[in-house]
C-alpha atoms as a PDB file:
ATOM      1  CA  MET A   1      70.224 124.877  93.005  1.00  0.00           C
ATOM      2  CA  SER A   2      73.030 125.172  95.566  1.00  0.00           C
ATOM      3  CA  GLU A   3      76.423 123.499  95.256  1.00  0.00           C
ATOM      4  CA  SER A   4      75.626 121.483  98.382  1.00  0.00           C
ATOM      5  CA  THR A   5      72.705 119.694  96.687  1.00  0.00           C
ATOM      6  CA  ASP A   6      74.801 116.649  95.789  1.00  0.00           C
ATOM      7  CA  PHE A   7      75.982 116.343  99.382  1.00  0.00           C
ATOM      8  CA  HIS A   8      72.403 116.580 100.630  1.00  0.00           C
ATOM      9  CA  HIS A   9      71.314 113.827  98.263  1.00  0.00           C
ATOM     10  CA  LEU A  10      74.208 111.743  99.533  1.00  0.00           C
ATOM     11  CA  TYR A  11      73.113 112.461 103.112  1.00  0.00           C
ATOM     12  CA  GLU A  12      69.612 111.200 102.367  1.00  0.00           C
ATOM     13  CA  ALA A  13      71.005 108.172 100.529  1.00  0.00           C
ATOM     14  CA  SER A  14      73.168 107.303 103.538  1.00  0.00           C
ATOM     15  CA  LEU A  15      70.145 106.644 105.766  1.00  0.00           C
ATOM     16  CA  GLY A  16      67.659 103.800 106.054  1.00  0.00           C
ATOM     17  CA  GLY A  17      69.650 101.034 107.735  1.00  0.00           C
ATOM     18  CA  ASP A  18      70.457  99.862 111.236  1.00  0.00           C
ATOM     19  CA  GLY A  19      73.903 101.458 111.363  1.00  0.00           C
ATOM     20  CA  VAL A  20      75.653  98.127 111.854  1.00  0.00           C
ATOM     21  CA  THR A  21      74.851  95.588 109.141  1.00  0.00           C
ATOM     22  CA  MET A  22      77.444  95.571 106.360  1.00  0.00           C
ATOM     23  CA  VAL A  23      79.220  93.157 104.047  1.00  0.00           C
ATOM     24  CA  PRO A  24      82.607  91.814 105.227  1.00  0.00           C
ATOM     25  CA  ALA A  25      84.502  93.906 102.665  1.00  0.00           C
ATOM     26  CA  MET A  26      83.053  97.131 104.116  1.00  0.00           C
ATOM     27  CA  ALA A  27      83.921  95.984 107.628  1.00  0.00           C
ATOM     28  CA  LEU A  28      87.455  95.249 106.419  1.00  0.00           C
ATOM     29  CA  ALA A  29      87.730  98.763 104.977  1.00  0.00           C
ATOM     30  CA  LEU A  30      86.748 100.317 108.308  1.00  0.00           C
ATOM     31  CA  ASP A  31      89.149  97.988 110.136  1.00  0.00           C
ATOM     32  CA  THR A  32      91.983  98.897 107.785  1.00  0.00           C
ATOM     33  CA  HIS A  33      91.567 102.657 107.823  1.00  0.00           C
ATOM     34  CA  PHE A  34      90.093 103.351 111.263  1.00  0.00           C
ATOM     35  CA  GLY A  35      90.589 100.257 113.396  1.00  0.00           C
ATOM     36  CA  GLY A  36      86.955  99.173 113.183  1.00  0.00           C
ATOM     37  CA  LEU A  37      83.404 100.508 113.143  1.00  0.00           C
ATOM     38  CA  GLN A  38      83.482 101.976 116.646  1.00  0.00           C
ATOM     39  CA  HIS A  39      86.740 103.827 116.023  1.00  0.00           C
ATOM     40  CA  TRP A  40      85.280 105.223 112.807  1.00  0.00           C
ATOM     41  CA  ARG A  41      82.191 106.351 114.720  1.00  0.00           C
ATOM     42  CA  ASP A  42      84.405 108.062 117.290  1.00  0.00           C
ATOM     43  CA  ALA A  43      86.386 109.883 114.584  1.00  0.00           C
ATOM     44  CA  PHE A  44      83.231 110.903 112.723  1.00  0.00           C
ATOM     45  CA  THR A  45      81.537 112.141 115.904  1.00  0.00           C
ATOM     46  CA  ALA A  46      84.614 114.177 116.857  1.00  0.00           C
ATOM     47  CA  LEU A  47      84.624 115.714 113.377  1.00  0.00           C
ATOM     48  CA  VAL A  48      80.977 116.760 113.687  1.00  0.00           C
ATOM     49  CA  GLN A  49      81.389 118.144 117.196  1.00  0.00           C
ATOM     50  CA  ALA A  50      84.475 120.130 116.208  1.00  0.00           C
ATOM     51  CA  GLY A  51      82.338 122.395 114.023  1.00  0.00           C
ATOM     52  CA  GLN A  52      81.009 125.244 116.111  1.00  0.00           C
ATOM     53  CA  ASP A  53      78.496 126.647 113.631  1.00  0.00           C
ATOM     54  CA  GLY A  54      76.802 123.392 112.611  1.00  0.00           C
ATOM     55  CA  ALA A  55      77.247 124.248 108.942  1.00  0.00           C
ATOM     56  CA  GLY A  56      78.468 122.092 106.089  1.00  0.00           C
ATOM     57  CA  TYR A  57      78.693 118.336 105.812  1.00  0.00           C
ATOM     58  CA  ALA A  58      80.684 115.667 107.598  1.00  0.00           C
ATOM     59  CA  LEU A  59      81.904 113.190 105.001  1.00  0.00           C
ATOM     60  CA  LEU A  60      83.428 109.770 104.655  1.00  0.00           C
ATOM     61  CA  VAL A  61      85.502 109.912 101.480  1.00  0.00           C
ATOM     62  CA  PHE A  62      87.741 107.596  99.511  1.00  0.00           C
ATOM     63  CA  ARG A  63      91.056 109.257  98.615  1.00  0.00           C
ATOM     64  CA  PRO A  64      92.409 107.474  95.511  1.00  0.00           C
ATOM     65  CA  GLY A  65      95.963 108.797  95.734  1.00  0.00           C
ATOM     66  CA  ALA A  66      96.380 107.324  99.203  1.00  0.00           C
ATOM     67  CA  GLY A  67      94.102 104.333  98.713  1.00  0.00           C
ATOM     68  CA  ALA A  68      92.483 105.385 101.968  1.00  0.00           C
ATOM     69  CA  LEU A  69      89.185 106.249 103.591  1.00  0.00           C
ATOM     70  CA  CYS A  70      89.163 109.590 105.428  1.00  0.00           C
ATOM     71  CA  VAL A  71      86.682 111.738 107.335  1.00  0.00           C
ATOM     72  CA  LEU A  72      86.487 115.460 106.677  1.00  0.00           C
ATOM     73  CA  ARG A  73      84.129 118.433 106.610  1.00  0.00           C
ATOM     74  CA  ALA A  74      83.221 120.378 103.496  1.00  0.00           C
ATOM     75  CA  ALA A  75      80.598 122.943 102.572  1.00  0.00           C
ATOM     76  CA  ASN A  76      80.176 121.743  98.990  1.00  0.00           C
ATOM     77  CA  PRO A  77      81.809 119.492  96.371  1.00  0.00           C
ATOM     78  CA  ALA A  78      84.061 122.328  95.190  1.00  0.00           C
ATOM     79  CA  ALA A  79      85.824 122.226  98.558  1.00  0.00           C
ATOM     80  CA  LEU A  80      87.103 118.678  98.041  1.00  0.00           C
ATOM     81  CA  VAL A  81      90.762 118.099  97.178  1.00  0.00           C
ATOM     82  CA  ASP A  82      93.028 115.238  96.057  1.00  0.00           C
ATOM     83  CA  GLY A  83      90.278 113.642  94.006  1.00  0.00           C
ATOM     84  CA  ASP A  84      88.321 112.789  97.154  1.00  0.00           C
ATOM     85  CA  LEU A  85      85.202 110.727  96.396  1.00  0.00           C
ATOM     86  CA  PRO A  86      82.415 111.081  99.008  1.00  0.00           C
ATOM     87  CA  ILE A  87      80.626 107.854  99.902  1.00  0.00           C
ATOM     88  CA  LEU A  88      78.665 108.999 102.990  1.00  0.00           C
ATOM     89  CA  ALA A  89      77.498 112.391 104.250  1.00  0.00           C
ATOM     90  CA  LEU A  90      75.878 113.932 107.316  1.00  0.00           C
ATOM     91  CA  ASP A  91      74.193 117.311 106.988  1.00  0.00           C
ATOM     92  CA  CYS A  92      75.550 119.051 110.073  1.00  0.00           C
ATOM     93  CA  SER A  93      72.626 121.488 110.054  1.00  0.00           C
ATOM     94  CA  ALA A  94      70.028 118.702 110.083  1.00  0.00           C
ATOM     95  CA  PRO A  95      67.962 118.246 113.240  1.00  0.00           C
ATOM     96  CA  ASP A  96      69.120 114.638 113.610  1.00  0.00           C
ATOM     97  CA  SER A  97      71.828 114.200 116.178  1.00  0.00           C
ATOM     98  CA  VAL A  98      75.031 112.505 115.074  1.00  0.00           C
ATOM     99  CA  ASN A  99      74.097 109.512 117.233  1.00  0.00           C
ATOM    100  CA  HIS A 100      70.757 109.201 115.450  1.00  0.00           C
ATOM    101  CA  PHE A 101      72.529 109.390 112.097  1.00  0.00           C
ATOM    102  CA  LEU A 102      75.093 106.740 113.050  1.00  0.00           C
ATOM    103  CA  ALA A 103      72.326 104.428 114.254  1.00  0.00           C
ATOM    104  CA  HIS A 104      70.496 104.617 110.916  1.00  0.00           C
ATOM    105  CA  ILE A 105      73.260 104.416 108.309  1.00  0.00           C
ATOM    106  CA  ASP A 106      72.482 102.039 105.470  1.00  0.00           C
ATOM    107  CA  TRP A 107      75.897 100.535 104.771  1.00  0.00           C
ATOM    108  CA  ALA A 108      74.789  98.669 101.628  1.00  0.00           C
ATOM    109  CA  PRO A 109      74.743 101.729  99.313  1.00  0.00           C
ATOM    110  CA  VAL A 110      77.765 103.173 101.140  1.00  0.00           C
ATOM    111  CA  TYR A 111      79.660 100.006 100.296  1.00  0.00           C
ATOM    112  CA  ALA A 112      78.444 100.130  96.689  1.00  0.00           C
ATOM    113  CA  ARG A 113      79.851 103.660  96.328  1.00  0.00           C
ATOM    114  CA  TYR A 114      83.103 102.593  97.990  1.00  0.00           C
ATOM    115  CA  ALA A 115      83.484  99.554  95.723  1.00  0.00           C
ATOM    116  CA  GLU A 116      82.853 101.671  92.622  1.00  0.00           C
ATOM    117  CA  ALA A 117      85.404 104.282  93.711  1.00  0.00           C
ATOM    118  CA  VAL A 118      88.042 101.625  94.390  1.00  0.00           C
ATOM    119  CA  GLN A 119      87.342  99.869  91.099  1.00  0.00           C
ATOM    120  CA  VAL A 120      87.865 103.053  89.094  1.00  0.00           C
ATOM    121  CA  ALA A 121      90.944 104.158  91.043  1.00  0.00           C
ATOM    122  CA  GLY A 122      92.578 100.738  90.909  1.00  0.00           C
ATOM    123  CA  GLU A 123      91.890  99.920  87.260  1.00  0.00           C
ATOM    124  CA  PRO A 124      95.224 101.286  85.919  1.00  0.00           C
ATOM    125  CA  PHE A 125      97.175  99.029  88.266  1.00  0.00           C
ATOM    126  CA  GLY A 126      95.749  95.654  87.307  1.00  0.00           C
ATOM    127  CA  ALA A 127      98.087  92.930  86.066  1.00  0.00           C
ATOM    128  CA  GLY A 128      97.422  89.828  84.000  1.00  0.00           C
ATOM    129  CA  GLN A 129      98.235  86.292  85.062  1.00  0.00           C
ATOM    130  CA  ASP A 130     101.657  86.372  83.395  1.00  0.00           C
ATOM    131  CA  ALA A 131     102.722  88.864  86.078  1.00  0.00           C
ATOM    132  CA  VAL A 132     102.719  86.030  88.627  1.00  0.00           C
ATOM    133  CA  GLU A 133     105.893  84.689  86.996  1.00  0.00           C
ATOM    134  CA  THR A 134     107.635  88.045  86.648  1.00  0.00           C
ATOM    135  CA  SER A 135     106.842  89.662  90.010  1.00  0.00           C
ATOM    136  CA  ALA A 136     109.589  89.521  92.614  1.00  0.00           C
ATOM    137  CA  CYS A 137     107.101  89.317  95.468  1.00  0.00           C
ATOM    138  CA  LEU A 138     103.694  87.614  95.392  1.00  0.00           C
ATOM    139  CA  LEU A 139     101.282  88.315  98.256  1.00  0.00           C
ATOM    140  CA  ASP A 140      97.970  86.681  99.088  1.00  0.00           C
ATOM    141  CA  VAL A 141      95.849  89.443 100.669  1.00  0.00           C
ATOM    142  CA  ARG A 142      92.557  87.647 101.066  1.00  0.00           C
ATOM    143  CA  ARG A 143      90.712  88.580 104.247  1.00  0.00           C
ATOM    144  CA  ALA A 144      91.894  86.583 107.258  1.00  0.00           C
ATOM    145  CA  GLY A 145      88.656  84.609 107.569  1.00  0.00           C
ATOM    146  CA  VAL A 146      88.605  83.807 103.856  1.00  0.00           C
ATOM    147  CA  TYR A 147      92.248  82.758 103.838  1.00  0.00           C
ATOM    148  CA  GLN A 148      91.810  80.460 106.840  1.00  0.00           C
ATOM    149  CA  GLN A 149      88.986  78.651 105.048  1.00  0.00           C
ATOM    150  CA  ALA A 150      90.822  78.388 101.724  1.00  0.00           C
ATOM    151  CA  ALA A 151      92.294  75.087 100.599  1.00  0.00           C
ATOM    152  CA  SER A 152      94.813  76.461  98.122  1.00  0.00           C
ATOM    153  CA  VAL A 153      97.104  79.352  97.248  1.00  0.00           C
ATOM    154  CA  ILE A 154      99.083  80.404  94.206  1.00  0.00           C
ATOM    155  CA  PRO A 155     102.541  78.786  94.454  1.00  0.00           C
ATOM    156  CA  GLY A 156     105.130  81.100  95.971  1.00  0.00           C
ATOM    157  CA  ALA A 157     102.604  83.421  97.621  1.00  0.00           C
ATOM    158  CA  GLN A 158     102.903  84.647 101.186  1.00  0.00           C
ATOM    159  CA  TRP A 159      99.794  85.695 103.081  1.00  0.00           C
ATOM    160  CA  ARG A 160      99.563  89.192 104.519  1.00  0.00           C
ATOM    161  CA  ASP A 161      96.592  90.593 106.422  1.00  0.00           C
ATOM    162  CA  PRO A 162      95.035  93.352 104.277  1.00  0.00           C
ATOM    163  CA  ALA A 163      93.669  95.006 107.427  1.00  0.00           C
ATOM    164  CA  ALA A 164      97.235  95.527 108.686  1.00  0.00           C
ATOM    165  CA  VAL A 165      98.953  96.713 105.507  1.00  0.00           C
ATOM    166  CA  GLY A 166     100.375  99.701 107.368  1.00  0.00           C
ATOM    167  CA  THR A 167     102.365  97.403 109.641  1.00  0.00           C
ATOM    168  CA  TRP A 168     103.950  95.126 107.035  1.00  0.00           C
ATOM    169  CA  ALA A 169     104.392  97.436 104.055  1.00  0.00           C
ATOM    170  CA  ALA A 170     107.822  98.515 105.318  1.00  0.00           C
ATOM    171  CA  GLU A 171     109.091  94.947 104.827  1.00  0.00           C
ATOM    172  CA  LEU A 172     108.503  95.045 101.073  1.00  0.00           C
ATOM    173  CA  PRO A 173     111.141  95.921  98.461  1.00  0.00           C
ATOM    174  CA  ARG A 174     110.947  99.366  96.875  1.00  0.00           C
ATOM    175  CA  ASP A 175     112.996  98.430  93.820  1.00  0.00           C
ATOM    176  CA  ARG A 176     111.092  95.337  92.653  1.00  0.00           C
ATOM    177  CA  ALA A 177     107.580  94.562  91.484  1.00  0.00           C
ATOM    178  CA  VAL A 178     105.039  93.372  94.048  1.00  0.00           C
ATOM    179  CA  LEU A 179     101.849  91.581  93.019  1.00  0.00           C
ATOM    180  CA  VAL A 180      98.900  91.130  95.385  1.00  0.00           C
ATOM    181  CA  TYR A 181      95.822  89.006  94.888  1.00  0.00           C
ATOM    182  CA  CYS A 182      92.494  88.595  96.646  1.00  0.00           C
ATOM    183  CA  VAL A 183      89.571  86.340  95.722  1.00  0.00           C
ATOM    184  CA  TYR A 184      88.206  88.120  92.649  1.00  0.00           C
ATOM    185  CA  GLY A 185      90.478  91.111  92.042  1.00  0.00           C
ATOM    186  CA  HIS A 186      87.895  93.513  93.405  1.00  0.00           C
ATOM    187  CA  GLU A 187      88.268  96.079  96.181  1.00  0.00           C
ATOM    188  CA  VAL A 188      90.449  94.113  98.634  1.00  0.00           C
ATOM    189  CA  GLY A 189      93.283  93.536  96.177  1.00  0.00           C
ATOM    190  CA  ARG A 190      92.852  96.906  94.493  1.00  0.00           C
ATOM    191  CA  VAL A 191      92.857  99.024  97.623  1.00  0.00           C
ATOM    192  CA  THR A 192      95.823  97.082  99.020  1.00  0.00           C
ATOM    193  CA  ALA A 193      97.768  97.816  95.844  1.00  0.00           C
ATOM    194  CA  LEU A 194      96.759 101.486  95.989  1.00  0.00           C
ATOM    195  CA  ARG A 195      97.857 101.803  99.613  1.00  0.00           C
ATOM    196  CA  LEU A 196     101.182 100.126  98.880  1.00  0.00           C
ATOM    197  CA  ARG A 197     101.788 102.394  95.907  1.00  0.00           C
ATOM    198  CA  ALA A 198     101.132 105.411  98.129  1.00  0.00           C
ATOM    199  CA  MET A 199     103.916 104.072 100.375  1.00  0.00           C
ATOM    200  CA  GLY A 200     106.404 103.831  97.522  1.00  0.00           C
ATOM    201  CA  VAL A 201     105.932 100.155  96.608  1.00  0.00           C
ATOM    202  CA  ASP A 202     105.619  99.193  92.928  1.00  0.00           C
ATOM    203  CA  ALA A 203     102.460  97.193  93.604  1.00  0.00           C
ATOM    204  CA  ARG A 204      99.788  95.840  91.297  1.00  0.00           C
ATOM    205  CA  TYR A 205      96.829  93.549  91.840  1.00  0.00           C
ATOM    206  CA  LEU A 206      96.040  90.336  89.979  1.00  0.00           C
ATOM    207  CA  GLN A 207      93.060  90.822  87.687  1.00  0.00           C
ATOM    208  CA  GLY A 208      90.429  88.197  88.424  1.00  0.00           C
ATOM    209  CA  GLY A 209      92.140  87.215  91.675  1.00  0.00           C
ATOM    210  CA  ILE A 210      92.801  83.622  92.610  1.00  0.00           C
ATOM    211  CA  ASP A 211      89.306  82.686  91.431  1.00  0.00           C
ATOM    212  CA  GLY A 212      90.201  83.730  87.885  1.00  0.00           C
ATOM    213  CA  TRP A 213      93.580  82.032  88.220  1.00  0.00           C
ATOM    214  CA  ILE A 214      91.952  78.710  89.122  1.00  0.00           C
ATOM    215  CA  ALA A 215      89.288  79.091  86.417  1.00  0.00           C
ATOM    216  CA  ALA A 216      92.083  79.466  83.847  1.00  0.00           C
ATOM    217  CA  GLY A 217      93.557  76.124  84.921  1.00  0.00           C
ATOM    218  CA  GLN A 218      96.648  77.665  86.476  1.00  0.00           C
ATOM    219  CA  PRO A 219      98.547  75.723  89.165  1.00  0.00           C
ATOM    220  CA  THR A 220      97.859  76.018  92.883  1.00  0.00           C
ATOM    221  CA  CYS A 221      99.238  74.358  95.978  1.00  0.00           C
ATOM    222  CA  ALA A 222      97.853  73.621  99.425  1.00  0.00           C
ATOM    223  CA  ARG A 223      97.567  76.525 101.820  1.00  0.00           C
ATOM    224  CA  PRO A 224     100.634  76.234 104.105  1.00  0.00           C
ATOM    225  CA  GLU A 225      98.613  75.711 107.294  1.00  0.00           C
ATOM    226  CA  ALA A 226      96.517  73.084 105.492  1.00  0.00           C
ATOM    227  CA  ARG A 227      99.438  70.900 104.437  1.00  0.00           C
END
Protein backbone atom coordinates (compact mmCIF):
# COMPACT_ATOMS: atom_id res chain seq x y z
CA MET A 1 0.00 0.00 0.00
CA SER A 2 1.49 3.36 -1.01
CA GLU A 3 1.95 6.31 1.33
CA SER A 4 -0.50 8.29 -0.80
CA THR A 5 -3.39 5.93 0.01
CA ASP A 6 -4.71 8.15 2.81
CA PHE A 7 -4.71 11.15 0.48
CA HIS A 8 -6.57 9.16 -2.16
CA HIS A 9 -9.21 8.13 0.36
CA LEU A 10 -9.52 11.77 1.35
CA TYR A 11 -9.89 12.70 -2.33
CA GLU A 12 -12.75 10.24 -2.74
CA ALA A 13 -14.34 11.42 0.52
CA SER A 14 -14.22 15.02 -0.69
CA LEU A 15 -16.64 14.35 -3.56
CA GLY A 16 -20.38 13.83 -3.78
CA GLY A 17 -21.80 17.32 -3.26
CA ASP A 18 -22.72 20.34 -5.34
CA GLY A 19 -19.54 22.28 -4.57
CA VAL A 20 -21.44 25.14 -2.96
CA THR A 21 -23.70 24.04 -0.11
CA MET A 22 -22.02 24.36 3.29
CA VAL A 23 -22.84 25.30 6.86
CA PRO A 24 -22.26 28.96 7.85
CA ALA A 25 -19.22 28.06 9.97
CA MET A 26 -17.46 26.55 6.94
CA ALA A 27 -18.33 29.61 4.86
CA LEU A 28 -16.91 31.78 7.65
CA ALA A 29 -13.67 29.78 7.61
CA LEU A 30 -13.25 30.33 3.87
CA ASP A 31 -14.10 34.02 4.29
CA THR A 32 -11.57 34.39 7.08
CA HIS A 33 -8.65 32.62 5.44
CA PHE A 34 -9.23 33.22 1.73
CA GLY A 35 -11.77 36.00 1.37
CA GLY A 36 -14.61 33.67 0.40
CA LEU A 37 -15.41 30.55 -1.60
CA GLN A 38 -14.51 31.99 -4.99
CA HIS A 39 -11.14 33.28 -3.79
CA TRP A 40 -10.42 29.85 -2.31
CA ARG A 41 -11.34 28.24 -5.63
CA ASP A 42 -8.99 30.62 -7.44
CA ALA A 43 -6.12 29.81 -5.07
CA PHE A 44 -6.77 26.07 -5.28
CA THR A 45 -6.98 26.14 -9.08
CA ALA A 46 -3.72 28.10 -9.32
CA LEU A 47 -2.06 25.54 -7.05
CA VAL A 48 -3.19 22.66 -9.26
CA GLN A 49 -2.18 24.38 -12.49
CA ALA A 50 1.25 25.28 -11.11
CA GLY A 51 2.22 21.60 -11.10
CA GLN A 52 3.66 20.68 -14.46
CA ASP A 53 3.75 16.91 -14.04
CA GLY A 54 0.22 16.40 -12.69
CA ALA A 55 1.57 14.31 -9.82
CA GLY A 56 0.72 14.45 -6.14
CA TYR A 57 -2.26 15.94 -4.38
CA ALA A 58 -3.61 19.45 -3.98
CA LEU A 59 -4.75 19.85 -0.39
CA LEU A 60 -6.75 22.12 1.85
CA VAL A 61 -5.18 21.78 5.29
CA PHE A 62 -5.70 23.21 8.74
CA ARG A 63 -2.43 24.46 10.26
CA PRO A 64 -2.86 24.40 14.07
CA GLY A 65 0.13 26.58 14.90
CA ALA A 66 -1.24 29.42 12.80
CA GLY A 67 -4.92 28.67 13.36
CA ALA A 68 -5.26 28.91 9.60
CA LEU A 69 -6.48 27.09 6.53
CA CYS A 70 -3.90 26.79 3.74
CA VAL A 71 -3.64 25.21 0.30
CA LEU A 72 -0.56 23.22 -0.66
CA ARG A 73 0.66 20.30 -2.75
CA ALA A 74 2.13 17.12 -1.32
CA ALA A 75 2.96 13.68 -2.66
CA ASN A 76 2.11 11.83 0.55
CA PRO A 77 1.38 12.43 4.25
CA ALA A 78 5.09 12.28 5.11
CA ALA A 79 5.60 15.49 3.14
CA LEU A 80 3.37 17.54 5.46
CA VAL A 81 4.95 19.93 7.96
CA ASP A 82 3.90 22.08 10.93
CA GLY A 83 1.30 19.56 12.04
CA ASP A 84 -0.80 20.25 8.95
CA LEU A 85 -4.12 18.38 9.02
CA PRO A 86 -5.60 17.69 5.55
CA ILE A 87 -9.36 18.17 5.27
CA LEU A 88 -9.78 18.03 1.47
CA ALA A 89 -7.71 16.55 -1.36
CA LEU A 90 -7.62 16.49 -5.15
CA ASP A 91 -5.67 13.75 -6.89
CA CYS A 92 -3.81 15.78 -9.50
CA SER A 93 -3.35 12.68 -11.66
CA ALA A 94 -7.08 11.92 -11.74
CA PRO A 95 -8.91 12.37 -15.04
CA ASP A 96 -11.34 14.85 -13.47
CA SER A 97 -10.52 18.44 -14.25
CA VAL A 98 -10.09 20.81 -11.33
CA ASN A 99 -13.33 22.53 -12.36
CA HIS A 100 -15.20 19.23 -12.21
CA PHE A 101 -13.73 18.55 -8.78
CA LEU A 102 -14.66 22.00 -7.45
CA ALA A 103 -18.21 21.58 -8.75
CA HIS A 104 -18.69 18.30 -6.87
CA ILE A 105 -17.09 18.92 -3.47
CA ASP A 106 -19.20 17.70 -0.57
CA TRP A 107 -18.54 20.38 2.04
CA ALA A 108 -20.36 18.54 4.85
CA PRO A 109 -17.58 16.00 5.56
CA VAL A 110 -14.94 18.65 4.81
CA TYR A 111 -16.48 20.80 7.52
CA ALA A 112 -16.65 17.84 9.91
CA ARG A 113 -12.90 17.26 9.46
CA TYR A 114 -12.22 20.98 9.90
CA ALA A 115 -14.31 21.18 13.08
CA GLU A 116 -12.55 18.14 14.55
CA ALA A 117 -9.11 19.57 13.75
CA VAL A 118 -9.99 22.91 15.34
CA GLN A 119 -11.48 21.25 18.40
CA VAL A 120 -8.33 19.24 19.06
CA ALA A 121 -5.95 22.13 18.36
CA GLY A 122 -7.92 24.60 20.47
CA GLU A 123 -8.58 22.37 23.48
CA PRO A 124 -5.50 23.49 25.49
CA PHE A 125 -6.59 27.12 25.26
CA GLY A 126 -10.08 26.88 26.71
CA ALA A 127 -10.96 28.96 29.77
CA GLY A 128 -13.69 28.54 32.36
CA GLN A 129 -16.32 31.13 33.18
CA ASP A 130 -14.24 32.65 35.98
CA ALA A 131 -11.87 33.94 33.29
CA VAL A 132 -14.51 36.50 32.28
CA GLU A 133 -13.74 38.41 35.48
CA THR A 134 -9.96 38.15 35.24
CA SER A 135 -9.40 38.83 31.53
CA ALA A 136 -8.31 42.34 30.63
CA CYS A 137 -10.12 42.22 27.30
CA LEU A 138 -13.37 40.38 26.55
CA LEU A 139 -14.39 39.97 22.90
CA ASP A 140 -17.63 38.68 21.42
CA VAL A 141 -16.63 36.94 18.17
CA ARG A 142 -19.95 35.48 17.11
CA ARG A 143 -20.50 35.57 13.36
CA ALA A 144 -21.85 38.91 12.16
CA GLY A 145 -25.28 37.52 11.26
CA VAL A 146 -25.58 35.71 14.59
CA TYR A 147 -24.49 38.76 16.56
CA GLN A 148 -26.97 41.04 14.79
CA GLN A 149 -29.81 38.70 15.74
CA ALA A 150 -28.69 38.26 19.35
CA ALA A 151 -30.54 40.00 22.16
CA SER A 152 -27.77 39.89 24.74
CA VAL A 153 -24.03 39.92 25.34
CA ILE A 154 -21.76 39.23 28.28
CA PRO A 155 -21.28 42.52 30.18
CA GLY A 156 -18.11 44.33 29.16
CA ALA A 157 -17.70 42.51 25.85
CA GLN A 158 -16.90 44.25 22.59
CA TRP A 159 -17.89 42.64 19.30
CA ARG A 160 -15.25 41.90 16.70
CA ASP A 161 -15.88 40.26 13.33
CA PRO A 162 -14.18 36.83 13.37
CA ALA A 163 -13.87 36.96 9.58
CA ALA A 164 -11.65 40.05 9.87
CA VAL A 165 -9.39 39.03 12.77
CA GLY A 166 -6.33 39.93 10.71
CA THR A 167 -7.42 43.56 10.58
CA TRP A 168 -8.19 44.15 14.26
CA ALA A 169 -5.71 41.88 16.01
CA ALA A 170 -3.09 44.65 16.04
CA GLU A 171 -5.34 46.71 18.34
CA LEU A 172 -5.18 44.13 21.13
CA PRO A 173 -2.75 44.22 24.07
CA ARG A 174 0.20 41.83 23.97
CA ASP A 175 0.84 41.96 27.71
CA ARG A 176 -2.64 41.15 29.03
CA ALA A 177 -5.06 38.25 28.78
CA VAL A 178 -7.69 38.32 26.04
CA LEU A 179 -10.80 36.14 26.19
CA VAL A 180 -13.02 35.51 23.16
CA TYR A 181 -16.40 33.84 23.06
CA CYS A 182 -18.72 32.58 20.35
CA VAL A 183 -22.08 30.83 20.71
CA TYR A 184 -21.00 27.40 21.97
CA GLY A 185 -17.21 27.52 22.30
CA HIS A 186 -16.74 25.47 19.16
CA GLU A 187 -14.69 26.28 16.07
CA VAL A 188 -15.42 30.03 15.74
CA GLY A 189 -14.11 30.93 19.19
CA ARG A 190 -11.35 28.33 19.11
CA VAL A 191 -9.91 29.26 15.74
CA THR A 192 -10.08 32.97 16.60
CA ALA A 193 -8.09 32.30 19.76
CA LEU A 194 -5.58 30.19 17.81
CA ARG A 195 -5.11 32.91 15.19
CA LEU A 196 -4.64 35.57 17.86
CA ARG A 197 -2.10 33.44 19.69
CA ALA A 198 -0.17 33.02 16.44
CA MET A 199 -0.03 36.83 16.30
CA GLY A 200 1.41 37.13 19.80
CA VAL A 201 -1.82 37.72 21.74
CA ASP A 202 -2.40 35.81 24.99
CA ALA A 203 -5.84 34.69 23.84
CA ARG A 204 -8.17 31.99 25.10
CA TYR A 205 -11.73 31.05 24.26
CA LEU A 206 -14.65 30.71 26.67
CA GLN A 207 -15.60 27.06 27.09
CA GLY A 208 -19.29 26.61 26.35
CA GLY A 209 -19.54 30.07 24.79
CA ILE A 210 -22.28 32.50 25.68
CA ASP A 211 -24.82 29.67 25.50
CA GLY A 212 -23.09 27.91 28.40
CA TRP A 213 -22.73 31.22 30.21
CA ILE A 214 -26.48 31.86 30.04
CA ALA A 215 -27.31 28.26 30.97
CA ALA A 216 -25.21 28.69 34.13
CA GLY A 217 -27.33 31.69 35.15
CA GLN A 218 -24.54 34.19 34.62
CA PRO A 219 -25.43 37.85 33.97
CA THR A 220 -25.94 39.33 30.51
CA CYS A 221 -26.92 42.73 29.20
CA ALA A 222 -28.64 43.96 26.06
CA ARG A 223 -26.63 43.95 22.87
CA PRO A 224 -25.46 47.57 22.42
CA GLU A 225 -27.32 48.11 19.14
CA ALA A 226 -30.46 46.62 20.72
CA ARG A 227 -30.60 49.01 23.66
